[in-house]
Amino acid sequence: MSEAPSSSATDALARISAAGVSVWLDDLSRAAIESGRLKELIDTKHVVGVTTNPTIFAKAVADGTAYDAQLAELGASKTSVEDAVVALTTEDVRNACDVFMDVYRATDGKDGRVSIEVDPRLDRDTEGTIAAAHMLWTTVDRPNLFVKIPATLEGLPAVTAAIAAGISINVTLIFSLDRFRAVAQAYVDGLEKAQAAGKDLSTIRSVSSVFLSRIDSKVDAALDEIGTEEAIDLKGKAAIANARLAYQVYEEIFSTPRFAQLADAGAHRQRPLWASTGTKDPAYPDTMYVDELVAADVVNTMPTKTLLAVADHSPATGEDTVHGTYEASREVLDAVERLGVPSENILEDLETSGVEAFEKSWGEMRQIVADGMSAAPASTTETSR
């Protein structure tokens, strides 16, 4: 990335940024931080935030040698695997927060955010999630951190408790409109508790992460099985329709008198975040989940490949592609239901499989860390003692 971006690259990302889309990167590694590549994306690609997850960290730790020195130190000091994982990931996130600090200050805390997820093994454990959120918040110790809590039924009260404590939260793994609404309510509940406790509401931020490509993958498979012309015509439309209707819910909830009272005290809206934005079907445009979801006050977090594709050839003009689509979006989802696609079951299964996938990645990372610590040279161990 040593070459300056083309005018089309700069313009494409500039246009959606000017329209109110915060461009975040769905990727992080120590190599990207230390080499300056992350800072370069801020300077040349309008990137104003980062999201991570257990899969991203597992890949980062497995690739290259950037973590070898710290793994050796942790092994020499007989650190437990669990503590070592926290040490590795929070160091990366803390350093990334520092890279984004100027953005954080320039946007008054709206952007410049870096997300780190609670241990996914706690996704069905409310109290464990609350404790993990506090631990991550204090360990990273940066005001521009987002702690990620999954939108499981057990995660919702954890969101409320964390917001009430003044912790900024990225609520992740949202698939259904009902769960999106419940997440927003959990956030407002937390703000009210924070206000009652005397917290400064202006320091608390939150986003709600609506997943996209995973929905289309499952719905499209069901539509293929049906195989009619109408079914095939609906492929690739469900996730965008779902996200657009989530934006409608967002507008409704954060325009109520209840939230207005909190806003008067300094509270911020919980912005929708479009996640899983890399297309999985090669038949679809690789910038589809960016181009079709341009609206004010949203975040779009993109894998590096998608970010570069948007920079290179996105047709997005910056025109709003969400407002005015609500009726058509409802018709898409209704048509999918009429054809017999078990949408509710699919969305429930996606939450379950999402949790399981992150648990698997967490296990892989623990093994990588354990192997790295045990491989520490004997001389390093003796020196550290």
Protein backbone atom coordinates (compact mmCIF):
# COMPACT_ATOMS: atom_id res chain seq x y z
CA MET A 1 0.00 0.00 0.00
CA SER A 2 2.88 2.32 -0.64
CA GLU A 3 1.24 3.78 -3.74
CA ALA A 4 -1.15 6.71 -3.39
CA PRO A 5 -4.78 5.77 -3.97
CA SER A 6 -6.35 6.59 -7.30
CA SER A 7 -8.83 9.45 -7.48
CA SER A 8 -11.66 6.94 -7.88
CA ALA A 9 -10.53 5.14 -4.73
CA THR A 10 -10.46 8.31 -2.70
CA ASP A 11 -13.74 9.57 -4.13
CA ALA A 12 -15.66 6.33 -3.60
CA LEU A 13 -14.89 6.15 0.10
CA ALA A 14 -15.10 9.92 0.50
CA ARG A 15 -18.62 9.97 -0.92
CA ILE A 16 -20.06 7.36 1.41
CA SER A 17 -18.22 8.94 4.35
CA ALA A 18 -19.71 12.34 3.50
CA ALA A 19 -23.14 10.69 3.37
CA GLY A 20 -22.78 9.65 7.00
CA VAL A 21 -21.32 6.15 6.71
CA SER A 22 -18.44 5.57 9.10
CA VAL A 23 -15.95 3.30 7.32
CA TRP A 24 -14.49 0.77 9.74
CA LEU A 25 -12.08 -2.07 9.09
CA ASP A 26 -13.09 -5.59 10.12
CA ASP A 27 -9.53 -6.76 10.68
CA LEU A 28 -6.60 -6.20 13.01
CA SER A 29 -3.12 -7.61 13.49
CA ARG A 30 0.02 -6.60 15.32
CA ALA A 31 1.86 -6.50 11.99
CA ALA A 32 -0.61 -3.96 10.62
CA ILE A 33 -0.19 -1.77 13.70
CA GLU A 34 3.60 -1.96 13.89
CA SER A 35 4.22 -1.56 10.16
CA GLY A 36 2.06 1.55 9.92
CA ARG A 37 -0.41 -0.09 7.53
CA LEU A 38 -3.31 0.61 9.87
CA LYS A 39 -2.40 4.30 10.09
CA GLU A 40 -2.09 4.37 6.31
CA LEU A 41 -5.67 3.14 5.94
CA ILE A 42 -6.79 6.01 8.16
CA ASP A 43 -4.86 8.49 6.04
CA THR A 44 -5.73 7.14 2.58
CA LYS A 45 -8.93 5.08 2.83
CA HIS A 46 -11.13 7.08 5.23
CA VAL A 47 -11.02 4.29 7.84
CA VAL A 48 -12.25 5.63 11.18
CA GLY A 49 -12.58 2.49 13.30
CA VAL A 50 -11.79 -1.21 13.67
CA THR A 51 -13.74 -4.30 14.70
CA THR A 52 -12.23 -7.60 15.77
CA ASN A 53 -13.52 -11.03 16.71
CA PRO A 54 -12.00 -14.33 17.84
CA THR A 55 -11.55 -15.51 14.25
CA ILE A 56 -9.59 -12.39 13.34
CA PHE A 57 -7.32 -12.77 16.37
CA ALA A 58 -6.75 -16.48 15.78
CA LYS A 59 -5.58 -15.74 12.23
CA ALA A 60 -3.42 -12.82 13.34
CA VAL A 61 -1.60 -14.81 16.02
CA ALA A 62 -1.11 -17.79 13.69
CA ASP A 63 0.37 -15.73 10.85
CA GLY A 64 3.96 -14.55 10.90
CA THR A 65 6.24 -13.84 13.84
CA ALA A 66 4.85 -10.61 15.28
CA TYR A 67 3.71 -12.31 18.49
CA ASP A 68 6.71 -14.58 19.04
CA ALA A 69 8.55 -12.34 21.48
CA GLN A 70 5.55 -11.80 23.71
CA LEU A 71 4.63 -15.48 23.57
CA ALA A 72 8.17 -16.32 24.71
CA GLU A 73 7.91 -13.88 27.60
CA LEU A 74 4.53 -15.23 28.63
CA GLY A 75 5.81 -18.78 28.46
CA ALA A 76 8.88 -17.94 30.51
CA SER A 77 6.75 -16.35 33.21
CA LYS A 78 4.48 -19.41 33.38
CA THR A 79 1.44 -17.31 32.48
CA SER A 80 -1.74 -19.33 32.05
CA VAL A 81 -3.10 -19.73 28.53
CA GLU A 82 -6.25 -17.81 29.45
CA ASP A 83 -4.26 -14.85 30.79
CA ALA A 84 -1.90 -15.01 27.83
CA VAL A 85 -4.79 -14.73 25.36
CA VAL A 86 -6.06 -11.67 27.22
CA ALA A 87 -2.58 -10.16 27.28
CA LEU A 88 -2.03 -10.65 23.54
CA THR A 89 -5.40 -9.41 22.37
CA THR A 90 -5.72 -6.46 24.73
CA GLU A 91 -2.24 -5.25 23.82
CA ASP A 92 -3.19 -5.16 20.15
CA VAL A 93 -6.48 -3.42 20.86
CA ARG A 94 -4.87 -0.90 23.22
CA ASN A 95 -2.24 -0.03 20.62
CA ALA A 96 -4.91 0.24 17.91
CA CYS A 97 -6.92 2.55 20.17
CA ASP A 98 -3.86 4.77 20.38
CA VAL A 99 -3.54 4.79 16.57
CA PHE A 100 -7.17 5.94 16.33
CA MET A 101 -7.02 8.44 19.19
CA ASP A 102 -6.82 11.47 16.91
CA VAL A 103 -9.92 10.28 15.04
CA TYR A 104 -11.69 9.71 18.36
CA ARG A 105 -10.95 13.24 19.47
CA ALA A 106 -11.77 14.81 16.11
CA THR A 107 -15.20 13.13 16.04
CA ASP A 108 -15.95 13.81 19.71
CA GLY A 109 -15.94 10.09 20.46
CA LYS A 110 -18.31 9.03 17.69
CA ASP A 111 -15.59 7.22 15.75
CA GLY A 112 -11.98 6.25 16.32
CA ARG A 113 -13.30 3.10 18.03
CA VAL A 114 -11.72 -0.33 18.35
CA SER A 115 -13.83 -3.35 19.36
CA ILE A 116 -12.81 -6.41 21.35
CA GLU A 117 -15.15 -9.30 22.06
CA VAL A 118 -15.79 -11.02 25.37
CA ASP A 119 -14.79 -14.68 25.58
CA PRO A 120 -17.41 -16.36 23.31
CA ARG A 121 -17.70 -19.24 25.75
CA LEU A 122 -19.64 -16.79 27.94
CA ASP A 123 -22.25 -16.00 25.30
CA ARG A 124 -24.98 -17.80 27.28
CA ASP A 125 -23.71 -16.58 30.67
CA THR A 126 -25.04 -13.17 31.68
CA GLU A 127 -23.00 -12.66 34.83
CA GLY A 128 -19.84 -14.02 33.21
CA THR A 129 -20.28 -11.64 30.29
CA ILE A 130 -20.75 -8.66 32.61
CA ALA A 131 -17.58 -9.55 34.49
CA ALA A 132 -15.65 -10.03 31.24
CA ALA A 133 -16.84 -6.66 29.92
CA HIS A 134 -15.56 -4.92 33.05
CA MET A 135 -12.26 -6.79 32.83
CA LEU A 136 -11.68 -5.84 29.20
CA TRP A 137 -12.71 -2.23 29.79
CA THR A 138 -10.25 -1.79 32.65
CA THR A 139 -7.46 -3.84 31.06
CA VAL A 140 -7.41 -1.98 27.74
CA ASP A 141 -8.01 1.28 29.61
CA ARG A 142 -8.77 3.47 26.63
CA PRO A 143 -11.87 5.67 26.23
CA ASN A 144 -12.26 4.73 22.55
CA LEU A 145 -12.74 1.02 23.26
CA PHE A 146 -15.90 -0.87 22.37
CA VAL A 147 -16.48 -4.12 24.25
CA LYS A 148 -18.40 -6.56 22.05
CA ILE A 149 -21.26 -8.45 23.67
CA PRO A 150 -23.35 -10.89 21.61
CA ALA A 151 -27.07 -10.25 21.18
CA THR A 152 -28.07 -13.58 22.70
CA LEU A 153 -30.99 -13.58 25.11
CA GLU A 154 -28.44 -13.92 27.91
CA GLY A 155 -26.38 -11.10 26.42
CA LEU A 156 -29.17 -8.51 26.50
CA PRO A 157 -29.16 -7.94 30.29
CA ALA A 158 -25.36 -7.87 30.14
CA VAL A 159 -25.60 -5.03 27.61
CA THR A 160 -27.88 -3.10 29.95
CA ALA A 161 -25.58 -3.69 32.93
CA ALA A 162 -22.45 -2.68 31.01
CA ILE A 163 -24.02 0.49 29.63
CA ALA A 164 -25.29 1.31 33.12
CA ALA A 165 -21.69 1.07 34.35
CA GLY A 166 -20.52 3.52 31.68
CA ILE A 167 -18.89 0.95 29.38
CA SER A 168 -19.26 1.57 25.65
CA ILE A 169 -20.61 -1.52 23.89
CA ASN A 170 -20.72 -3.00 20.40
CA VAL A 171 -23.62 -5.47 20.43
CA THR A 172 -22.80 -8.19 17.91
CA LEU A 173 -24.36 -11.18 16.14
CA ILE A 174 -27.72 -9.52 15.41
CA PHE A 175 -29.76 -11.22 12.70
CA SER A 176 -33.48 -10.59 13.28
CA LEU A 177 -35.45 -7.36 13.50
CA ASP A 178 -36.96 -8.48 16.80
CA ARG A 179 -33.52 -8.94 18.29
CA PHE A 180 -32.35 -5.61 16.85
CA ARG A 181 -35.27 -3.92 18.60
CA ALA A 182 -34.51 -5.76 21.85
CA VAL A 183 -30.87 -4.64 21.67
CA ALA A 184 -31.93 -1.01 21.28
CA GLN A 185 -34.25 -1.34 24.27
CA ALA A 186 -31.46 -2.93 26.33
CA TYR A 187 -29.26 0.05 25.47
CA VAL A 188 -31.92 2.60 26.46
CA ASP A 189 -32.55 0.68 29.68
CA GLY A 190 -28.83 0.88 30.42
CA LEU A 191 -28.73 4.61 29.74
CA GLU A 192 -31.57 5.19 32.17
CA LYS A 193 -29.74 3.20 34.83
CA ALA A 194 -26.53 5.10 34.11
CA GLN A 195 -28.36 8.40 34.45
CA ALA A 196 -29.87 7.31 37.75
CA ALA A 197 -26.37 6.42 38.96
CA GLY A 198 -25.07 9.85 38.04
CA LYS A 199 -23.00 8.78 35.02
CA ASP A 200 -22.12 11.26 32.29
CA LEU A 201 -24.23 9.94 29.40
CA SER A 202 -22.21 11.85 26.83
CA THR A 203 -19.24 9.50 27.40
CA ILE A 204 -21.22 6.34 26.58
CA ARG A 205 -21.45 5.10 23.00
CA SER A 206 -22.86 1.99 21.37
CA VAL A 207 -23.42 0.33 18.01
CA SER A 208 -25.65 -2.61 17.09
CA SER A 209 -24.06 -4.99 14.58
CA VAL A 210 -26.47 -6.38 11.99
CA PHE A 211 -24.99 -9.28 10.02
CA LEU A 212 -25.58 -9.47 6.28
CA SER A 213 -23.90 -12.02 4.02
CA ARG A 214 -24.54 -14.91 6.39
CA ILE A 215 -28.29 -14.28 6.05
CA ASP A 216 -28.18 -14.35 2.27
CA SER A 217 -26.10 -17.54 2.25
CA LYS A 218 -28.76 -19.42 4.21
CA VAL A 219 -31.83 -17.83 2.62
CA ASP A 220 -30.41 -18.23 -0.89
CA ALA A 221 -29.82 -21.94 -0.27
CA ALA A 222 -33.48 -22.32 0.71
CA LEU A 223 -34.59 -20.35 -2.35
CA ASP A 224 -32.46 -22.57 -4.58
CA GLU A 225 -34.21 -25.62 -3.17
CA ILE A 226 -37.59 -24.09 -4.04
CA GLY A 227 -36.24 -23.32 -7.49
CA THR A 228 -39.12 -21.32 -8.96
CA GLU A 229 -38.54 -18.20 -11.00
CA GLU A 230 -39.89 -16.07 -8.14
CA ALA A 231 -37.59 -17.79 -5.65
CA ILE A 232 -34.49 -17.32 -7.81
CA ASP A 233 -35.38 -13.66 -8.34
CA LEU A 234 -35.36 -13.11 -4.57
CA LYS A 235 -31.80 -14.37 -4.11
CA GLY A 236 -29.39 -11.84 -2.64
CA LYS A 237 -32.15 -9.54 -1.44
CA ALA A 238 -33.10 -10.72 2.06
CA ALA A 239 -30.11 -9.41 4.01
CA ILE A 240 -30.26 -5.91 2.54
CA ALA A 241 -34.03 -5.75 3.06
CA ASN A 242 -33.56 -6.86 6.66
CA ALA A 243 -30.88 -4.24 7.30
CA ARG A 244 -32.95 -1.46 5.74
CA LEU A 245 -35.87 -2.33 7.99
CA ALA A 246 -33.50 -2.38 10.96
CA TYR A 247 -32.64 1.22 10.09
CA GLN A 248 -36.35 2.02 10.16
CA VAL A 249 -36.55 0.50 13.66
CA TYR A 250 -33.52 2.57 14.65
CA GLU A 251 -35.24 5.75 13.51
CA GLU A 252 -38.40 4.86 15.42
CA ILE A 253 -36.77 3.97 18.73
CA PHE A 254 -34.41 6.90 18.83
CA SER A 255 -37.14 9.39 17.96
CA THR A 256 -39.31 8.57 20.98
CA PRO A 257 -39.98 10.97 23.88
CA ARG A 258 -38.32 8.41 26.15
CA PHE A 259 -35.01 8.68 24.32
CA ALA A 260 -35.40 12.44 23.82
CA GLN A 261 -35.18 12.88 27.58
CA LEU A 262 -31.93 10.94 27.62
CA ALA A 263 -30.60 12.87 24.63
CA ASP A 264 -31.27 16.10 26.50
CA ALA A 265 -28.92 14.74 29.18
CA GLY A 266 -26.20 14.04 26.60
CA ALA A 267 -27.05 10.50 25.45
CA HIS A 268 -26.16 9.35 21.95
CA ARG A 269 -28.13 7.11 19.61
CA GLN A 270 -27.02 3.50 19.24
CA ARG A 271 -25.91 3.48 15.61
CA PRO A 272 -26.59 0.51 13.32
CA LEU A 273 -23.42 -1.23 12.17
CA TRP A 274 -23.45 -3.33 9.00
CA ALA A 275 -21.32 -6.44 9.61
CA SER A 276 -20.43 -9.51 7.56
CA THR A 277 -20.19 -7.25 4.52
CA GLY A 278 -17.95 -9.41 2.38
CA THR A 279 -20.09 -11.12 -0.25
CA LYS A 280 -19.90 -14.91 -0.15
CA ASP A 281 -21.54 -15.54 -3.53
CA PRO A 282 -19.20 -14.60 -6.39
CA ALA A 283 -22.26 -13.90 -8.55
CA TYR A 284 -22.94 -10.77 -6.49
CA PRO A 285 -21.04 -7.48 -6.77
CA ASP A 286 -18.29 -7.53 -4.16
CA THR A 287 -19.32 -4.08 -2.91
CA MET A 288 -23.05 -4.88 -2.70
CA TYR A 289 -23.40 -4.66 1.07
CA VAL A 290 -21.80 -1.24 1.03
CA ASP A 291 -23.47 0.28 -2.03
CA GLU A 292 -26.99 -0.70 -1.00
CA LEU A 293 -26.80 0.49 2.62
CA VAL A 294 -25.71 4.11 2.48
CA ALA A 295 -27.46 6.25 5.08
CA ALA A 296 -26.61 8.84 7.67
CA ASP A 297 -25.36 7.77 11.09
CA VAL A 298 -24.40 4.17 10.29
CA VAL A 299 -21.18 2.18 10.44
CA ASN A 300 -20.05 -0.23 7.74
CA THR A 301 -17.25 -2.50 8.92
CA MET A 302 -15.46 -4.12 6.00
CA PRO A 303 -12.91 -6.91 5.68
CA THR A 304 -9.74 -5.62 4.02
CA LYS A 305 -10.70 -7.24 0.71
CA THR A 306 -14.07 -5.50 0.68
CA LEU A 307 -12.59 -2.16 1.73
CA LEU A 308 -10.12 -2.28 -1.16
CA ALA A 309 -12.86 -3.33 -3.58
CA VAL A 310 -15.00 -0.37 -2.54
CA ALA A 311 -12.01 1.90 -2.92
CA ASP A 312 -11.26 0.51 -6.36
CA HIS A 313 -14.62 0.22 -8.11
CA SER A 314 -17.66 0.93 -5.93
CA PRO A 315 -20.39 2.70 -7.90
CA ALA A 316 -21.70 4.35 -4.72
CA THR A 317 -22.44 8.00 -5.36
CA GLY A 318 -23.07 8.90 -1.74
CA GLU A 319 -26.79 9.01 -2.40
CA ASP A 320 -28.97 7.58 0.38
CA THR A 321 -29.93 4.01 -0.58
CA VAL A 322 -31.98 3.21 2.53
CA HIS A 323 -34.72 5.81 2.92
CA GLY A 324 -37.64 5.22 0.60
CA THR A 325 -37.01 1.47 0.53
CA TYR A 326 -38.97 0.32 3.59
CA GLU A 327 -42.13 -0.81 1.78
CA ALA A 328 -40.18 -2.67 -0.88
CA SER A 329 -37.97 -4.24 1.78
CA ARG A 330 -40.99 -5.50 3.69
CA GLU A 331 -42.36 -6.95 0.44
CA VAL A 332 -39.10 -8.85 -0.11
CA LEU A 333 -39.20 -10.46 3.33
CA ASP A 334 -42.92 -11.20 3.02
CA ALA A 335 -42.35 -12.86 -0.36
CA VAL A 336 -39.58 -15.01 1.09
CA GLU A 337 -41.93 -16.13 3.86
CA ARG A 338 -44.79 -16.85 1.41
CA LEU A 339 -42.55 -19.17 -0.55
CA GLY A 340 -42.05 -21.26 2.56
CA VAL A 341 -38.52 -20.26 3.52
CA PRO A 342 -38.26 -20.83 7.31
CA SER A 343 -36.78 -17.40 7.96
CA GLU A 344 -37.28 -17.40 11.72
CA ASN A 345 -35.54 -20.76 12.09
CA ILE A 346 -32.74 -19.61 9.81
CA LEU A 347 -32.09 -16.49 11.88
CA GLU A 348 -32.08 -18.50 15.11
CA ASP A 349 -29.69 -21.01 13.60
CA LEU A 350 -27.41 -18.21 12.41
CA GLU A 351 -27.08 -16.89 15.96
CA THR A 352 -26.27 -20.36 17.26
CA SER A 353 -23.77 -21.10 14.49
CA GLY A 354 -22.20 -17.65 14.92
CA VAL A 355 -21.58 -18.30 18.59
CA GLU A 356 -20.22 -21.76 17.84
CA ALA A 357 -17.90 -20.45 15.13
CA PHE A 358 -16.39 -17.88 17.48
CA GLU A 359 -16.05 -20.51 20.22
CA LYS A 360 -14.15 -22.70 17.75
CA SER A 361 -11.87 -19.82 16.77
CA TRP A 362 -11.28 -19.04 20.45
CA GLY A 363 -10.25 -22.65 21.01
CA GLU A 364 -7.91 -22.50 18.03
CA MET A 365 -6.34 -19.31 19.33
CA ARG A 366 -5.86 -20.83 22.78
CA GLN A 367 -4.04 -23.76 21.19
CA ILE A 368 -1.87 -21.47 19.05
CA VAL A 369 -0.98 -19.43 22.13
CA ALA A 370 -0.27 -22.53 24.20
CA ASP A 371 1.99 -23.90 21.46
CA GLY A 372 3.78 -20.58 21.11
CA MET A 373 4.40 -20.31 24.82
CA SER A 374 5.71 -23.86 25.10
CA ALA A 375 8.05 -23.27 22.17
CA ALA A 376 9.86 -20.46 23.99
CA PRO A 377 13.65 -21.06 23.78
CA ALA A 378 15.22 -22.38 26.97
CA SER A 379 17.66 -19.47 27.00
CA THR A 380 14.73 -17.06 27.04
CA THR A 381 13.21 -18.90 29.96
CA GLU A 382 16.45 -18.82 31.93
CA THR A 383 16.99 -15.14 31.20
CA SER A 384 13.47 -14.26 32.28
CA ARG A 385 14.00 -15.98 35.60
